[in-house]
Amino acid sequence: MIFRRLFRIPVRSRAQVSAELREEIETHIALAAEQLVARGVDPAIAERQARERFANLDAQMSTIDASAQRRSTIPVRATIQSWLVSTIFSRS
């Protein structure tokens, strides 16, 4: 908490990362369905086909979510490392 205030580092919670991931996947499904509808496919069928492209999504969500959680910490680490390097070398 102190580092977050001190460095003004935006930290997202696990729930936020998971929600963003689910929203991104739903957006991809919606875009795929829209493309199918534009080609003349019935909207209900297009939705089903778009979801089929993401087969076993529920089964894979834990793996995908774990990967997203790991990636979400990279910008925070990079921000801290960048600040430390600039601070250390600017005083030399």
C-alpha atoms as a PDB file:
ATOM      1  CA  MET A   1       0.000   0.000   0.000  1.00  0.00           C
ATOM      2  CA  ILE A   2       2.815   2.423   0.825  1.00  0.00           C
ATOM      3  CA  PHE A   3       4.568   1.748  -2.502  1.00  0.00           C
ATOM      4  CA  ARG A   4       1.319   2.247  -4.366  1.00  0.00           C
ATOM      5  CA  ARG A   5       0.801   5.654  -2.794  1.00  0.00           C
ATOM      6  CA  LEU A   6       4.449   6.617  -3.017  1.00  0.00           C
ATOM      7  CA  PHE A   7       4.891   5.715  -6.670  1.00  0.00           C
ATOM      8  CA  ARG A   8       1.271   6.204  -7.796  1.00  0.00           C
ATOM      9  CA  ILE A   9       1.285   2.763  -9.341  1.00  0.00           C
ATOM     10  CA  PRO A  10      -2.113   1.660 -10.616  1.00  0.00           C
ATOM     11  CA  VAL A  11      -2.674  -1.838  -9.259  1.00  0.00           C
ATOM     12  CA  ARG A  12      -5.600  -3.894 -10.485  1.00  0.00           C
ATOM     13  CA  SER A  13      -7.136  -6.516  -8.288  1.00  0.00           C
ATOM     14  CA  ARG A  14      -7.437 -10.140  -9.369  1.00  0.00           C
ATOM     15  CA  ALA A  15     -11.175  -9.598  -9.791  1.00  0.00           C
ATOM     16  CA  GLN A  16     -10.582  -6.595 -12.061  1.00  0.00           C
ATOM     17  CA  VAL A  17      -8.129  -8.538 -14.213  1.00  0.00           C
ATOM     18  CA  SER A  18     -10.573 -11.453 -14.485  1.00  0.00           C
ATOM     19  CA  ALA A  19     -13.462  -9.135 -15.367  1.00  0.00           C
ATOM     20  CA  GLU A  20     -11.389  -7.391 -18.033  1.00  0.00           C
ATOM     21  CA  LEU A  21     -10.378 -10.750 -19.478  1.00  0.00           C
ATOM     22  CA  ARG A  22     -13.979 -11.981 -19.627  1.00  0.00           C
ATOM     23  CA  GLU A  23     -15.056  -8.681 -21.216  1.00  0.00           C
ATOM     24  CA  GLU A  24     -12.323  -8.958 -23.845  1.00  0.00           C
ATOM     25  CA  ILE A  25     -13.328 -12.517 -24.733  1.00  0.00           C
ATOM     26  CA  GLU A  26     -17.009 -11.537 -24.923  1.00  0.00           C
ATOM     27  CA  THR A  27     -16.041  -8.662 -27.236  1.00  0.00           C
ATOM     28  CA  HIS A  28     -14.206 -11.064 -29.552  1.00  0.00           C
ATOM     29  CA  ILE A  29     -17.227 -13.364 -29.605  1.00  0.00           C
ATOM     30  CA  ALA A  30     -19.560 -10.449 -30.382  1.00  0.00           C
ATOM     31  CA  LEU A  31     -17.293  -9.237 -33.201  1.00  0.00           C
ATOM     32  CA  ALA A  32     -17.127 -12.729 -34.695  1.00  0.00           C
ATOM     33  CA  ALA A  33     -20.923 -12.988 -34.521  1.00  0.00           C
ATOM     34  CA  GLU A  34     -21.292  -9.571 -36.183  1.00  0.00           C
ATOM     35  CA  GLN A  35     -19.032 -10.671 -39.027  1.00  0.00           C
ATOM     36  CA  LEU A  36     -21.116 -13.786 -39.544  1.00  0.00           C
ATOM     37  CA  VAL A  37     -24.357 -11.773 -39.518  1.00  0.00           C
ATOM     38  CA  ALA A  38     -22.826  -9.411 -42.085  1.00  0.00           C
ATOM     39  CA  ARG A  39     -22.275 -12.463 -44.306  1.00  0.00           C
ATOM     40  CA  GLY A  40     -25.950 -13.343 -44.020  1.00  0.00           C
ATOM     41  CA  VAL A  41     -25.974 -15.844 -41.163  1.00  0.00           C
ATOM     42  CA  ASP A  42     -29.001 -15.751 -38.837  1.00  0.00           C
ATOM     43  CA  PRO A  43     -28.043 -13.823 -35.629  1.00  0.00           C
ATOM     44  CA  ALA A  44     -28.823 -16.746 -33.276  1.00  0.00           C
ATOM     45  CA  ILE A  45     -26.792 -19.152 -35.403  1.00  0.00           C
ATOM     46  CA  ALA A  46     -23.993 -16.581 -35.725  1.00  0.00           C
ATOM     47  CA  GLU A  47     -23.827 -16.236 -31.929  1.00  0.00           C
ATOM     48  CA  ARG A  48     -23.637 -20.006 -31.469  1.00  0.00           C
ATOM     49  CA  GLN A  49     -20.972 -20.403 -34.160  1.00  0.00           C
ATOM     50  CA  ALA A  50     -18.907 -17.554 -32.712  1.00  0.00           C
ATOM     51  CA  ARG A  51     -19.014 -19.205 -29.265  1.00  0.00           C
ATOM     52  CA  GLU A  52     -18.026 -22.535 -30.814  1.00  0.00           C
ATOM     53  CA  ARG A  53     -14.842 -20.870 -32.092  1.00  0.00           C
ATOM     54  CA  PHE A  54     -13.933 -20.410 -28.448  1.00  0.00           C
ATOM     55  CA  ALA A  55     -14.583 -24.081 -27.702  1.00  0.00           C
ATOM     56  CA  ASN A  56     -14.044 -25.260 -24.143  1.00  0.00           C
ATOM     57  CA  LEU A  57     -13.713 -21.673 -22.979  1.00  0.00           C
ATOM     58  CA  ASP A  58     -15.049 -22.493 -19.527  1.00  0.00           C
ATOM     59  CA  ALA A  59     -12.613 -25.389 -19.207  1.00  0.00           C
ATOM     60  CA  GLN A  60      -9.704 -23.177 -20.272  1.00  0.00           C
ATOM     61  CA  MET A  61     -10.651 -20.072 -18.269  1.00  0.00           C
ATOM     62  CA  SER A  62      -8.541 -20.980 -15.245  1.00  0.00           C
ATOM     63  CA  THR A  63      -5.427 -21.293 -17.420  1.00  0.00           C
ATOM     64  CA  ILE A  64      -6.211 -18.132 -19.367  1.00  0.00           C
ATOM     65  CA  ASP A  65      -6.986 -16.241 -16.161  1.00  0.00           C
ATOM     66  CA  ALA A  66      -3.738 -17.357 -14.505  1.00  0.00           C
ATOM     67  CA  SER A  67      -1.806 -16.119 -17.528  1.00  0.00           C
ATOM     68  CA  ALA A  68      -3.622 -12.777 -17.449  1.00  0.00           C
ATOM     69  CA  GLN A  69      -2.918 -12.436 -13.722  1.00  0.00           C
ATOM     70  CA  ARG A  70       0.816 -12.970 -14.324  1.00  0.00           C
ATOM     71  CA  ARG A  71       0.892 -10.496 -17.214  1.00  0.00           C
ATOM     72  CA  SER A  72      -0.954  -7.855 -15.197  1.00  0.00           C
ATOM     73  CA  THR A  73       1.977  -7.563 -12.780  1.00  0.00           C
ATOM     74  CA  ILE A  74       4.554  -6.913 -15.515  1.00  0.00           C
ATOM     75  CA  PRO A  75       3.704  -3.190 -16.017  1.00  0.00           C
ATOM     76  CA  VAL A  76       3.880  -2.604 -12.260  1.00  0.00           C
ATOM     77  CA  ARG A  77       7.288  -4.253 -12.048  1.00  0.00           C
ATOM     78  CA  ALA A  78       8.491  -2.329 -15.093  1.00  0.00           C
ATOM     79  CA  THR A  79       7.331   0.963 -13.563  1.00  0.00           C
ATOM     80  CA  ILE A  80       9.161   0.294 -10.311  1.00  0.00           C
ATOM     81  CA  GLN A  81      12.306  -0.891 -12.096  1.00  0.00           C
ATOM     82  CA  SER A  82      12.301   2.116 -14.397  1.00  0.00           C
ATOM     83  CA  TRP A  83      11.900   4.497 -11.480  1.00  0.00           C
ATOM     84  CA  LEU A  84      14.678   2.811  -9.512  1.00  0.00           C
ATOM     85  CA  VAL A  85      17.095   2.844 -12.446  1.00  0.00           C
ATOM     86  CA  SER A  86      16.406   6.498 -13.267  1.00  0.00           C
ATOM     87  CA  THR A  87      16.743   7.473  -9.610  1.00  0.00           C
ATOM     88  CA  ILE A  88      19.968   5.570  -9.058  1.00  0.00           C
ATOM     89  CA  PHE A  89      21.675   6.751 -12.237  1.00  0.00           C
ATOM     90  CA  SER A  90      20.472  10.364 -12.059  1.00  0.00           C
ATOM     91  CA  ARG A  91      22.302  10.760  -8.728  1.00  0.00           C
ATOM     92  CA  SER A  92      25.596   9.371  -9.995  1.00  0.00           C
END
